[in-house]
Amino acid sequence: MVRLIRSGILLAWLGAGTALYPVTPRAVDQDESQPQPKDQMFSGTVTAVDDTSLTVVRVGQGKVAATRTFDITAETRFEGGKLKVSARVTVRFVTTDEGDRAIHVIVRGTGKK
């Protein structure tokens, strides 16, 4: 009987302590509520390039050509050489509401041999 009373007092004390220090849910950052765009890759040959955009075409054997135009921003990184028409490139990009934005462009060489 004494143990039952002590257990009851202990449980009441623990319950009161929890009520004094309620657990609040972690604040959700706005960055976490909006999913980040997923990086994608596209490789091919440059058909047009200017200060704000890059157009790349990919042709597979027996397949229809796929053409993509990417926006170039100040954050776009370039690697491997000078970007020019007929250069072979690999573009890492994200798709946004405004279109495809190039994140990283790797120049692999010219497409002509």
PDB file of N, CA and C in Angstrom:
ATOM      1  N   MET A   1       0.814  -1.182   0.000  1.00  0.00           N
ATOM      2  CA  MET A   1       0.000   0.000   0.000  1.00  0.00           C
ATOM      3  C   MET A   1       0.866   1.258   0.000  1.00  0.00           C
ATOM      4  N   VAL A   2       1.944   1.212   0.772  1.00  0.00           N
ATOM      5  CA  VAL A   2       2.847   2.343   0.842  1.00  0.00           C
ATOM      6  C   VAL A   2       3.514   2.550  -0.513  1.00  0.00           C
ATOM      7  N   ARG A   3       3.878   1.445  -1.170  1.00  0.00           N
ATOM      8  CA  ARG A   3       4.498   1.550  -2.492  1.00  0.00           C
ATOM      9  C   ARG A   3       3.528   2.154  -3.487  1.00  0.00           C
ATOM     10  N   LEU A   4       2.293   1.802  -3.407  1.00  0.00           N
ATOM     11  CA  LEU A   4       1.283   2.326  -4.326  1.00  0.00           C
ATOM     12  C   LEU A   4       1.126   3.832  -4.135  1.00  0.00           C
ATOM     13  N   ILE A   5       1.150   4.288  -2.910  1.00  0.00           N
ATOM     14  CA  ILE A   5       1.030   5.716  -2.633  1.00  0.00           C
ATOM     15  C   ILE A   5       2.277   6.447  -3.129  1.00  0.00           C
ATOM     16  N   ARG A   6       3.458   5.875  -2.847  1.00  0.00           N
ATOM     17  CA  ARG A   6       4.700   6.497  -3.314  1.00  0.00           C
ATOM     18  C   ARG A   6       4.730   6.547  -4.841  1.00  0.00           C
ATOM     19  N   SER A   7       4.287   5.490  -5.497  1.00  0.00           N
ATOM     20  CA  SER A   7       4.264   5.475  -6.965  1.00  0.00           C
ATOM     21  C   SER A   7       3.303   6.532  -7.495  1.00  0.00           C
ATOM     22  N   GLY A   8       2.179   6.683  -6.853  1.00  0.00           N
ATOM     23  CA  GLY A   8       1.202   7.693  -7.262  1.00  0.00           C
ATOM     24  C   GLY A   8       1.762   9.095  -7.095  1.00  0.00           C
ATOM     25  N   ILE A   9       2.456   9.326  -5.985  1.00  0.00           N
ATOM     26  CA  ILE A   9       3.059  10.644  -5.746  1.00  0.00           C
ATOM     27  C   ILE A   9       4.150  10.911  -6.780  1.00  0.00           C
ATOM     28  N   LEU A  10       4.953   9.910  -7.084  1.00  0.00           N
ATOM     29  CA  LEU A  10       6.025  10.055  -8.061  1.00  0.00           C
ATOM     30  C   LEU A  10       5.452  10.370  -9.448  1.00  0.00           C
ATOM     31  N   LEU A  11       4.419   9.657  -9.838  1.00  0.00           N
ATOM     32  CA  LEU A  11       3.795   9.906 -11.143  1.00  0.00           C
ATOM     33  C   LEU A  11       3.155  11.295 -11.196  1.00  0.00           C
ATOM     34  N   ALA A  12       2.534  11.716 -10.102  1.00  0.00           N
ATOM     35  CA  ALA A  12       1.937  13.052 -10.065  1.00  0.00           C
ATOM     36  C   ALA A  12       3.012  14.123 -10.150  1.00  0.00           C
ATOM     37  N   TRP A  13       4.127  13.907  -9.484  1.00  0.00           N
ATOM     38  CA  TRP A  13       5.230  14.856  -9.514  1.00  0.00           C
ATOM     39  C   TRP A  13       5.844  14.945 -10.906  1.00  0.00           C
ATOM     40  N   LEU A  14       6.026  13.808 -11.548  1.00  0.00           N
ATOM     41  CA  LEU A  14       6.583  13.801 -12.907  1.00  0.00           C
ATOM     42  C   LEU A  14       5.618  14.468 -13.886  1.00  0.00           C
ATOM     43  N   GLY A  15       4.330  14.215 -13.719  1.00  0.00           N
ATOM     44  CA  GLY A  15       3.336  14.839 -14.594  1.00  0.00           C
ATOM     45  C   GLY A  15       3.297  16.342 -14.413  1.00  0.00           C
ATOM     46  N   ALA A  16       3.441  16.815 -13.179  1.00  0.00           N
ATOM     47  CA  ALA A  16       3.429  18.258 -12.920  1.00  0.00           C
ATOM     48  C   ALA A  16       4.680  18.898 -13.503  1.00  0.00           C
ATOM     49  N   GLY A  17       5.807  18.216 -13.429  1.00  0.00           N
ATOM     50  CA  GLY A  17       7.047  18.748 -13.998  1.00  0.00           C
ATOM     51  C   GLY A  17       6.944  18.883 -15.506  1.00  0.00           C
ATOM     52  N   THR A  18       6.301  17.945 -16.136  1.00  0.00           N
ATOM     53  CA  THR A  18       6.124  18.006 -17.583  1.00  0.00           C
ATOM     54  C   THR A  18       5.197  19.145 -17.957  1.00  0.00           C
ATOM     55  N   ALA A  19       4.195  19.403 -17.149  1.00  0.00           N
ATOM     56  CA  ALA A  19       3.270  20.488 -17.431  1.00  0.00           C
ATOM     57  C   ALA A  19       3.953  21.846 -17.288  1.00  0.00           C
ATOM     58  N   LEU A  20       4.924  21.950 -16.389  1.00  0.00           N
ATOM     59  CA  LEU A  20       5.630  23.201 -16.208  1.00  0.00           C
ATOM     60  C   LEU A  20       6.588  23.494 -17.366  1.00  0.00           C
ATOM     61  N   TYR A  21       7.129  22.474 -17.988  1.00  0.00           N
ATOM     62  CA  TYR A  21       8.073  22.621 -19.099  1.00  0.00           C
ATOM     63  C   TYR A  21       7.542  21.889 -20.324  1.00  0.00           C
ATOM     64  N   PRO A  22       6.546  22.476 -20.972  1.00  0.00           N
ATOM     65  CA  PRO A  22       5.972  21.785 -22.124  1.00  0.00           C
ATOM     66  C   PRO A  22       6.961  21.732 -23.288  1.00  0.00           C
ATOM     67  N   VAL A  23       6.845  20.687 -24.046  1.00  0.00           N
ATOM     68  CA  VAL A  23       7.688  20.520 -25.222  1.00  0.00           C
ATOM     69  C   VAL A  23       7.034  21.275 -26.371  1.00  0.00           C
ATOM     70  N   THR A  24       7.758  22.224 -26.906  1.00  0.00           N
ATOM     71  CA  THR A  24       7.215  22.985 -28.029  1.00  0.00           C
ATOM     72  C   THR A  24       7.756  22.409 -29.327  1.00  0.00           C
ATOM     73  N   PRO A  25       6.946  22.392 -30.357  1.00  0.00           N
ATOM     74  CA  PRO A  25       7.445  21.872 -31.628  1.00  0.00           C
ATOM     75  C   PRO A  25       8.514  22.789 -32.189  1.00  0.00           C
ATOM     76  N   ARG A  26       9.455  22.192 -32.913  1.00  0.00           N
ATOM     77  CA  ARG A  26      10.557  22.945 -33.510  1.00  0.00           C
ATOM     78  C   ARG A  26      10.007  23.867 -34.579  1.00  0.00           C
ATOM     79  N   ALA A  27      10.476  25.096 -34.589  1.00  0.00           N
ATOM     80  CA  ALA A  27      10.037  26.053 -35.600  1.00  0.00           C
ATOM     81  C   ALA A  27      10.507  25.579 -36.969  1.00  0.00           C
ATOM     82  N   VAL A  28       9.634  25.646 -37.938  1.00  0.00           N
ATOM     83  CA  VAL A  28       9.956  25.200 -39.281  1.00  0.00           C
ATOM     84  C   VAL A  28      10.486  26.388 -40.071  1.00  0.00           C
ATOM     85  N   ASP A  29      11.688  26.238 -40.605  1.00  0.00           N
ATOM     86  CA  ASP A  29      12.251  27.279 -41.450  1.00  0.00           C
ATOM     87  C   ASP A  29      11.493  27.321 -42.765  1.00  0.00           C
ATOM     88  N   GLN A  30      11.455  28.473 -43.377  1.00  0.00           N
ATOM     89  CA  GLN A  30      10.772  28.581 -44.658  1.00  0.00           C
ATOM     90  C   GLN A  30      11.509  27.788 -45.726  1.00  0.00           C
ATOM     91  N   ASP A  31      12.831  27.644 -45.591  1.00  0.00           N
ATOM     92  CA  ASP A  31      13.600  26.881 -46.562  1.00  0.00           C
ATOM     93  C   ASP A  31      13.184  25.411 -46.557  1.00  0.00           C
ATOM     94  N   GLU A  32      12.831  24.883 -45.373  1.00  0.00           N
ATOM     95  CA  GLU A  32      12.452  23.485 -45.284  1.00  0.00           C
ATOM     96  C   GLU A  32      11.057  23.237 -45.849  1.00  0.00           C
ATOM     97  N   SER A  33      10.183  24.234 -45.786  1.00  0.00           N
ATOM     98  CA  SER A  33       8.830  24.032 -46.262  1.00  0.00           C
ATOM     99  C   SER A  33       8.764  24.021 -47.785  1.00  0.00           C
ATOM    100  N   GLN A  34       9.713  24.676 -48.440  1.00  0.00           N
ATOM    101  CA  GLN A  34       9.752  24.699 -49.897  1.00  0.00           C
ATOM    102  C   GLN A  34      10.835  23.724 -50.349  1.00  0.00           C
ATOM    103  N   PRO A  35      10.485  22.700 -51.116  1.00  0.00           N
ATOM    104  CA  PRO A  35      11.505  21.757 -51.565  1.00  0.00           C
ATOM    105  C   PRO A  35      12.484  22.435 -52.524  1.00  0.00           C
ATOM    106  N   GLN A  36      13.745  22.123 -52.350  1.00  0.00           N
ATOM    107  CA  GLN A  36      14.768  22.666 -53.224  1.00  0.00           C
ATOM    108  C   GLN A  36      14.694  21.977 -54.587  1.00  0.00           C
ATOM    109  N   PRO A  37      14.937  22.740 -55.681  1.00  0.00           N
ATOM    110  CA  PRO A  37      14.932  22.111 -56.990  1.00  0.00           C
ATOM    111  C   PRO A  37      16.035  21.062 -57.075  1.00  0.00           C
ATOM    112  N   LYS A  38      15.746  19.975 -57.761  1.00  0.00           N
ATOM    113  CA  LYS A  38      16.691  18.888 -57.873  1.00  0.00           C
ATOM    114  C   LYS A  38      17.625  19.132 -59.053  1.00  0.00           C
ATOM    115  N   ASP A  39      18.933  18.918 -58.846  1.00  0.00           N
ATOM    116  CA  ASP A  39      19.912  19.067 -59.913  1.00  0.00           C
ATOM    117  C   ASP A  39      19.701  17.995 -60.978  1.00  0.00           C
ATOM    118  N   GLN A  40      19.900  18.385 -62.221  1.00  0.00           N
ATOM    119  CA  GLN A  40      19.815  17.459 -63.338  1.00  0.00           C
ATOM    120  C   GLN A  40      21.025  17.684 -64.229  1.00  0.00           C
ATOM    121  N   MET A  41      21.295  16.746 -65.141  1.00  0.00           N
ATOM    122  CA  MET A  41      22.427  16.844 -66.052  1.00  0.00           C
ATOM    123  C   MET A  41      21.934  16.737 -67.490  1.00  0.00           C
ATOM    124  N   PHE A  42      22.642  17.434 -68.385  1.00  0.00           N
ATOM    125  CA  PHE A  42      22.341  17.367 -69.816  1.00  0.00           C
ATOM    126  C   PHE A  42      23.660  17.539 -70.557  1.00  0.00           C
ATOM    127  N   SER A  43      23.968  16.623 -71.457  1.00  0.00           N
ATOM    128  CA  SER A  43      25.203  16.686 -72.231  1.00  0.00           C
ATOM    129  C   SER A  43      24.877  16.784 -73.704  1.00  0.00           C
ATOM    130  N   GLY A  44      25.713  17.497 -74.437  1.00  0.00           N
ATOM    131  CA  GLY A  44      25.518  17.624 -75.868  1.00  0.00           C
ATOM    132  C   GLY A  44      26.471  18.636 -76.462  1.00  0.00           C
ATOM    133  N   THR A  45      26.087  19.158 -77.630  1.00  0.00           N
ATOM    134  CA  THR A  45      26.905  20.114 -78.364  1.00  0.00           C
ATOM    135  C   THR A  45      26.257  21.481 -78.330  1.00  0.00           C
ATOM    136  N   VAL A  46      27.055  22.518 -78.098  1.00  0.00           N
ATOM    137  CA  VAL A  46      26.552  23.893 -78.029  1.00  0.00           C
ATOM    138  C   VAL A  46      26.157  24.350 -79.429  1.00  0.00           C
ATOM    139  N   THR A  47      24.927  24.855 -79.560  1.00  0.00           N
ATOM    140  CA  THR A  47      24.475  25.401 -80.841  1.00  0.00           C
ATOM    141  C   THR A  47      24.359  26.917 -80.800  1.00  0.00           C
ATOM    142  N   ALA A  48      24.227  27.498 -79.625  1.00  0.00           N
ATOM    143  CA  ALA A  48      24.161  28.955 -79.477  1.00  0.00           C
ATOM    144  C   ALA A  48      24.587  29.328 -78.068  1.00  0.00           C
ATOM    145  N   VAL A  49      25.284  30.458 -77.961  1.00  0.00           N
ATOM    146  CA  VAL A  49      25.720  30.933 -76.652  1.00  0.00           C
ATOM    147  C   VAL A  49      25.792  32.454 -76.690  1.00  0.00           C
ATOM    148  N   ASP A  50      25.337  33.088 -75.609  1.00  0.00           N
ATOM    149  CA  ASP A  50      25.502  34.530 -75.421  1.00  0.00           C
ATOM    150  C   ASP A  50      25.682  34.789 -73.932  1.00  0.00           C
ATOM    151  N   ASP A  51      25.614  36.039 -73.515  1.00  0.00           N
ATOM    152  CA  ASP A  51      25.890  36.390 -72.115  1.00  0.00           C
ATOM    153  C   ASP A  51      24.854  35.848 -71.135  1.00  0.00           C
ATOM    154  N   THR A  52      23.627  35.607 -71.598  1.00  0.00           N
ATOM    155  CA  THR A  52      22.562  35.217 -70.671  1.00  0.00           C
ATOM    156  C   THR A  52      22.008  33.814 -70.893  1.00  0.00           C
ATOM    157  N   SER A  53      22.382  33.153 -71.999  1.00  0.00           N
ATOM    158  CA  SER A  53      21.812  31.823 -72.243  1.00  0.00           C
ATOM    159  C   SER A  53      22.777  30.934 -73.015  1.00  0.00           C
ATOM    160  N   LEU A  54      22.481  29.649 -72.955  1.00  0.00           N
ATOM    161  CA  LEU A  54      23.276  28.609 -73.592  1.00  0.00           C
ATOM    162  C   LEU A  54      22.308  27.586 -74.156  1.00  0.00           C
ATOM    163  N   THR A  55      22.446  27.251 -75.447  1.00  0.00           N
ATOM    164  CA  THR A  55      21.585  26.250 -76.068  1.00  0.00           C
ATOM    165  C   THR A  55      22.430  25.039 -76.430  1.00  0.00           C
ATOM    166  N   VAL A  56      21.963  23.856 -76.014  1.00  0.00           N
ATOM    167  CA  VAL A  56      22.692  22.609 -76.217  1.00  0.00           C
ATOM    168  C   VAL A  56      21.754  21.615 -76.893  1.00  0.00           C
ATOM    169  N   VAL A  57      22.269  20.888 -77.889  1.00  0.00           N
ATOM    170  CA  VAL A  57      21.494  19.852 -78.563  1.00  0.00           C
ATOM    171  C   VAL A  57      22.165  18.504 -78.306  1.00  0.00           C
ATOM    172  N   ARG A  58      21.332  17.486 -78.071  1.00  0.00           N
ATOM    173  CA  ARG A  58      21.829  16.123 -77.852  1.00  0.00           C
ATOM    174  C   ARG A  58      21.175  15.222 -78.889  1.00  0.00           C
ATOM    175  N   VAL A  59      22.005  14.519 -79.656  1.00  0.00           N
ATOM    176  CA  VAL A  59      21.488  13.610 -80.673  1.00  0.00           C
ATOM    177  C   VAL A  59      22.020  12.218 -80.367  1.00  0.00           C
ATOM    178  N   GLY A  60      21.119  11.276 -80.155  1.00  0.00           N
ATOM    179  CA  GLY A  60      21.515   9.900 -79.934  1.00  0.00           C
ATOM    180  C   GLY A  60      21.325   9.100 -81.216  1.00  0.00           C
ATOM    181  N   GLN A  61      21.981   7.983 -81.330  1.00  0.00           N
ATOM    182  CA  GLN A  61      21.849   7.164 -82.528  1.00  0.00           C
ATOM    183  C   GLN A  61      20.414   6.674 -82.660  1.00  0.00           C
ATOM    184  N   GLY A  62      19.798   7.021 -83.793  1.00  0.00           N
ATOM    185  CA  GLY A  62      18.438   6.586 -84.053  1.00  0.00           C
ATOM    186  C   GLY A  62      17.389   7.265 -83.193  1.00  0.00           C
ATOM    187  N   LYS A  63      17.759   8.337 -82.515  1.00  0.00           N
ATOM    188  CA  LYS A  63      16.817   9.028 -81.642  1.00  0.00           C
ATOM    189  C   LYS A  63      16.583  10.442 -82.149  1.00  0.00           C
ATOM    190  N   VAL A  64      15.501  11.040 -81.710  1.00  0.00           N
ATOM    191  CA  VAL A  64      15.184  12.411 -82.047  1.00  0.00           C
ATOM    192  C   VAL A  64      16.104  13.341 -81.247  1.00  0.00           C
ATOM    193  N   ALA A  65      16.542  14.420 -81.868  1.00  0.00           N
ATOM    194  CA  ALA A  65      17.413  15.378 -81.184  1.00  0.00           C
ATOM    195  C   ALA A  65      16.645  16.066 -80.058  1.00  0.00           C
ATOM    196  N   ALA A  66      17.328  16.244 -78.954  1.00  0.00           N
ATOM    197  CA  ALA A  66      16.758  16.968 -77.812  1.00  0.00           C
ATOM    198  C   ALA A  66      17.533  18.270 -77.656  1.00  0.00           C
ATOM    199  N   THR A  67      16.816  19.390 -77.603  1.00  0.00           N
ATOM    200  CA  THR A  67      17.444  20.697 -77.474  1.00  0.00           C
ATOM    201  C   THR A  67      16.993  21.341 -76.173  1.00  0.00           C
ATOM    202  N   ARG A  68      17.948  21.922 -75.458  1.00  0.00           N
ATOM    203  CA  ARG A  68      17.641  22.601 -74.207  1.00  0.00           C
ATOM    204  C   ARG A  68      18.334  23.945 -74.198  1.00  0.00           C
ATOM    205  N   THR A  69      17.657  24.972 -73.674  1.00  0.00           N
ATOM    206  CA  THR A  69      18.243  26.295 -73.494  1.00  0.00           C
ATOM    207  C   THR A  69      18.318  26.576 -72.001  1.00  0.00           C
ATOM    208  N   PHE A  70      19.488  26.981 -71.550  1.00  0.00           N
ATOM    209  CA  PHE A  70      19.745  27.216 -70.133  1.00  0.00           C
ATOM    210  C   PHE A  70      20.040  28.694 -69.894  1.00  0.00           C
ATOM    211  N   ASP A  71      19.517  29.232 -68.806  1.00  0.00           N
ATOM    212  CA  ASP A  71      19.850  30.598 -68.391  1.00  0.00           C
ATOM    213  C   ASP A  71      21.208  30.574 -67.706  1.00  0.00           C
ATOM    214  N   ILE A  72      22.039  31.569 -68.010  1.00  0.00           N
ATOM    215  CA  ILE A  72      23.340  31.708 -67.373  1.00  0.00           C
ATOM    216  C   ILE A  72      23.259  32.894 -66.418  1.00  0.00           C
ATOM    217  N   THR A  73      23.666  32.680 -65.167  1.00  0.00           N
ATOM    218  CA  THR A  73      23.643  33.743 -64.157  1.00  0.00           C
ATOM    219  C   THR A  73      25.060  33.988 -63.659  1.00  0.00           C
ATOM    220  N   ALA A  74      25.192  34.935 -62.760  1.00  0.00           N
ATOM    221  CA  ALA A  74      26.506  35.228 -62.183  1.00  0.00           C
ATOM    222  C   ALA A  74      27.019  34.059 -61.344  1.00  0.00           C
ATOM    223  N   GLU A  75      26.117  33.210 -60.840  1.00  0.00           N
ATOM    224  CA  GLU A  75      26.512  32.066 -60.017  1.00  0.00           C
ATOM    225  C   GLU A  75      26.914  30.853 -60.847  1.00  0.00           C
ATOM    226  N   THR A  76      26.688  30.869 -62.160  1.00  0.00           N
ATOM    227  CA  THR A  76      27.026  29.734 -63.015  1.00  0.00           C
ATOM    228  C   THR A  76      28.544  29.582 -63.063  1.00  0.00           C
ATOM    229  N   ARG A  77      29.020  28.361 -62.785  1.00  0.00           N
ATOM    230  CA  ARG A  77      30.458  28.082 -62.821  1.00  0.00           C
ATOM    231  C   ARG A  77      30.814  27.410 -64.150  1.00  0.00           C
ATOM    232  N   PHE A  78      31.966  27.761 -64.700  1.00  0.00           N
ATOM    233  CA  PHE A  78      32.450  27.177 -65.944  1.00  0.00           C
ATOM    234  C   PHE A  78      33.775  26.474 -65.676  1.00  0.00           C
ATOM    235  N   GLU A  79      33.984  25.349 -66.368  1.00  0.00           N
ATOM    236  CA  GLU A  79      35.180  24.547 -66.147  1.00  0.00           C
ATOM    237  C   GLU A  79      35.590  23.892 -67.456  1.00  0.00           C
ATOM    238  N   GLY A  80      36.888  23.828 -67.718  1.00  0.00           N
ATOM    239  CA  GLY A  80      37.395  23.018 -68.814  1.00  0.00           C
ATOM    240  C   GLY A  80      37.746  23.742 -70.094  1.00  0.00           C
ATOM    241  N   GLY A  81      37.507  25.017 -70.196  1.00  0.00           N
ATOM    242  CA  GLY A  81      37.895  25.716 -71.420  1.00  0.00           C
ATOM    243  C   GLY A  81      36.911  26.793 -71.794  1.00  0.00           C
ATOM    244  N   LYS A  82      37.094  27.314 -73.009  1.00  0.00           N
ATOM    245  CA  LYS A  82      36.267  28.413 -73.498  1.00  0.00           C
ATOM    246  C   LYS A  82      34.962  27.857 -74.060  1.00  0.00           C
ATOM    247  N   LEU A  83      33.875  28.464 -73.678  1.00  0.00           N
ATOM    248  CA  LEU A  83      32.560  28.055 -74.144  1.00  0.00           C
ATOM    249  C   LEU A  83      32.289  28.715 -75.491  1.00  0.00           C
ATOM    250  N   LYS A  84      32.086  27.902 -76.525  1.00  0.00           N
ATOM    251  CA  LYS A  84      31.810  28.430 -77.855  1.00  0.00           C
ATOM    252  C   LYS A  84      30.920  27.444 -78.613  1.00  0.00           C
ATOM    253  N   VAL A  85      30.387  27.895 -79.726  1.00  0.00           N
ATOM    254  CA  VAL A  85      29.533  27.058 -80.562  1.00  0.00           C
ATOM    255  C   VAL A  85      30.336  25.856 -81.039  1.00  0.00           C
ATOM    256  N   SER A  86      29.715  24.706 -81.062  1.00  0.00           N
ATOM    257  CA  SER A  86      30.231  23.387 -81.448  1.00  0.00           C
ATOM    258  C   SER A  86      31.089  22.732 -80.368  1.00  0.00           C
ATOM    259  N   ALA A  87      31.183  23.328 -79.177  1.00  0.00           N
ATOM    260  CA  ALA A  87      31.891  22.692 -78.065  1.00  0.00           C
ATOM    261  C   ALA A  87      30.981  21.641 -77.438  1.00  0.00           C
ATOM    262  N   ARG A  88      31.571  20.539 -77.009  1.00  0.00           N
ATOM    263  CA  ARG A  88      30.816  19.516 -76.287  1.00  0.00           C
ATOM    264  C   ARG A  88      30.818  19.890 -74.812  1.00  0.00           C
ATOM    265  N   VAL A  89      29.635  19.856 -74.192  1.00  0.00           N
ATOM    266  CA  VAL A  89      29.508  20.290 -72.803  1.00  0.00           C
ATOM    267  C   VAL A  89      28.620  19.344 -72.012  1.00  0.00           C
ATOM    268  N   THR A  90      28.791  19.399 -70.721  1.00  0.00           N
ATOM    269  CA  THR A  90      27.864  18.785 -69.774  1.00  0.00           C
ATOM    270  C   THR A  90      27.390  19.902 -68.862  1.00  0.00           C
ATOM    271  N   VAL A  91      26.074  20.031 -68.739  1.00  0.00           N
ATOM    272  CA  VAL A  91      25.481  21.117 -67.958  1.00  0.00           C
ATOM    273  C   VAL A  91      24.739  20.524 -66.771  1.00  0.00           C
ATOM    274  N   ARG A  92      25.078  20.999 -65.575  1.00  0.00           N
ATOM    275  CA  ARG A  92      24.286  20.657 -64.387  1.00  0.00           C
ATOM    276  C   ARG A  92      23.344  21.828 -64.186  1.00  0.00           C
ATOM    277  N   PHE A  93      22.043  21.539 -64.068  1.00  0.00           N
ATOM    278  CA  PHE A  93      21.057  22.613 -64.018  1.00  0.00           C
ATOM    279  C   PHE A  93      19.916  22.269 -63.084  1.00  0.00           C
ATOM    280  N   VAL A  94      19.127  23.302 -62.754  1.00  0.00           N
ATOM    281  CA  VAL A  94      17.893  23.128 -61.999  1.00  0.00           C
ATOM    282  C   VAL A  94      16.765  23.751 -62.811  1.00  0.00           C
ATOM    283  N   THR A  95      15.598  23.163 -62.703  1.00  0.00           N
ATOM    284  CA  THR A  95      14.420  23.693 -63.376  1.00  0.00           C
ATOM    285  C   THR A  95      13.651  24.557 -62.389  1.00  0.00           C
ATOM    286  N   THR A  96      13.419  25.811 -62.753  1.00  0.00           N
ATOM    287  CA  THR A  96      12.679  26.747 -61.919  1.00  0.00           C
ATOM    288  C   THR A  96      11.452  27.214 -62.684  1.00  0.00           C
ATOM    289  N   ASP A  97      10.674  28.088 -62.074  1.00  0.00           N
ATOM    290  CA  ASP A  97       9.497  28.631 -62.748  1.00  0.00           C
ATOM    291  C   ASP A  97       9.878  29.461 -63.969  1.00  0.00           C
ATOM    292  N   GLU A  98      11.073  30.070 -63.919  1.00  0.00           N
ATOM    293  CA  GLU A  98      11.537  30.908 -65.028  1.00  0.00           C
ATOM    294  C   GLU A  98      12.147  30.095 -66.157  1.00  0.00           C
ATOM    295  N   GLY A  99      12.484  28.837 -65.917  1.00  0.00           N
ATOM    296  CA  GLY A  99      13.108  27.985 -66.933  1.00  0.00           C
ATOM    297  C   GLY A  99      14.265  27.205 -66.337  1.00  0.00           C
ATOM    298  N   ASP A 100      15.089  26.631 -67.209  1.00  0.00           N
ATOM    299  CA  ASP A 100      16.254  25.862 -66.764  1.00  0.00           C
ATOM    300  C   ASP A 100      17.411  26.814 -66.515  1.00  0.00           C
ATOM    301  N   ARG A 101      18.012  26.714 -65.310  1.00  0.00           N
ATOM    302  CA  ARG A 101      19.127  27.588 -64.933  1.00  0.00           C
ATOM    303  C   ARG A 101      20.379  26.751 -64.771  1.00  0.00           C
ATOM    304  N   ALA A 102      21.426  27.094 -65.542  1.00  0.00           N
ATOM    305  CA  ALA A 102      22.694  26.371 -65.474  1.00  0.00           C
ATOM    306  C   ALA A 102      23.406  26.694 -64.168  1.00  0.00           C
ATOM    307  N   ILE A 103      23.861  25.654 -63.485  1.00  0.00           N
ATOM    308  CA  ILE A 103      24.623  25.814 -62.253  1.00  0.00           C
ATOM    309  C   ILE A 103      26.110  25.633 -62.534  1.00  0.00           C
ATOM    310  N   HIS A 104      26.442  24.602 -63.337  1.00  0.00           N
ATOM    311  CA  HIS A 104      27.832  24.257 -63.605  1.00  0.00           C
ATOM    312  C   HIS A 104      27.924  23.755 -65.040  1.00  0.00           C
ATOM    313  N   VAL A 105      28.842  24.324 -65.814  1.00  0.00           N
ATOM    314  CA  VAL A 105      29.040  23.925 -67.209  1.00  0.00           C
ATOM    315  C   VAL A 105      30.462  23.407 -67.345  1.00  0.00           C
ATOM    316  N   ILE A 106      30.598  22.166 -67.830  1.00  0.00           N
ATOM    317  CA  ILE A 106      31.910  21.575 -68.067  1.00  0.00           C
ATOM    318  C   ILE A 106      32.101  21.478 -69.574  1.00  0.00           C
ATOM    319  N   VAL A 107      33.123  22.165 -70.081  1.00  0.00           N
ATOM    320  CA  VAL A 107      33.441  22.140 -71.512  1.00  0.00           C
ATOM    321  C   VAL A 107      34.364  20.953 -71.744  1.00  0.00           C
ATOM    322  N   ARG A 108      33.964  20.059 -72.658  1.00  0.00           N
ATOM    323  CA  ARG A 108      34.724  18.824 -72.901  1.00  0.00           C
ATOM    324  C   ARG A 108      35.586  18.891 -74.156  1.00  0.00           C
ATOM    325  N   GLY A 109      35.379  19.875 -75.007  1.00  0.00           N
ATOM    326  CA  GLY A 109      36.150  19.994 -76.244  1.00  0.00           C
ATOM    327  C   GLY A 109      35.215  20.311 -77.388  1.00  0.00           C
ATOM    328  N   THR A 110      35.759  20.390 -78.592  1.00  0.00           N
ATOM    329  CA  THR A 110      34.926  20.688 -79.749  1.00  0.00           C
ATOM    330  C   THR A 110      34.290  19.418 -80.273  1.00  0.00           C
ATOM    331  N   GLY A 111      33.124  19.560 -80.855  1.00  0.00           N
ATOM    332  CA  GLY A 111      32.404  18.407 -81.398  1.00  0.00           C
ATOM    333  C   GLY A 111      32.901  18.011 -82.765  1.00  0.00           C
ATOM    334  N   LYS A 112      33.596  18.913 -83.459  1.00  0.00           N
ATOM    335  CA  LYS A 112      34.100  18.618 -84.810  1.00  0.00           C
ATOM    336  C   LYS A 112      35.450  17.950 -84.742  1.00  0.00           C
ATOM    337  N   LYS A 113      35.662  16.965 -85.597  1.00  0.00           N
ATOM    338  CA  LYS A 113      36.960  16.264 -85.638  1.00  0.00           C
ATOM    339  C   LYS A 113      37.605  16.455 -86.980  1.00  0.00           C
TER     340      LYS A 113
END
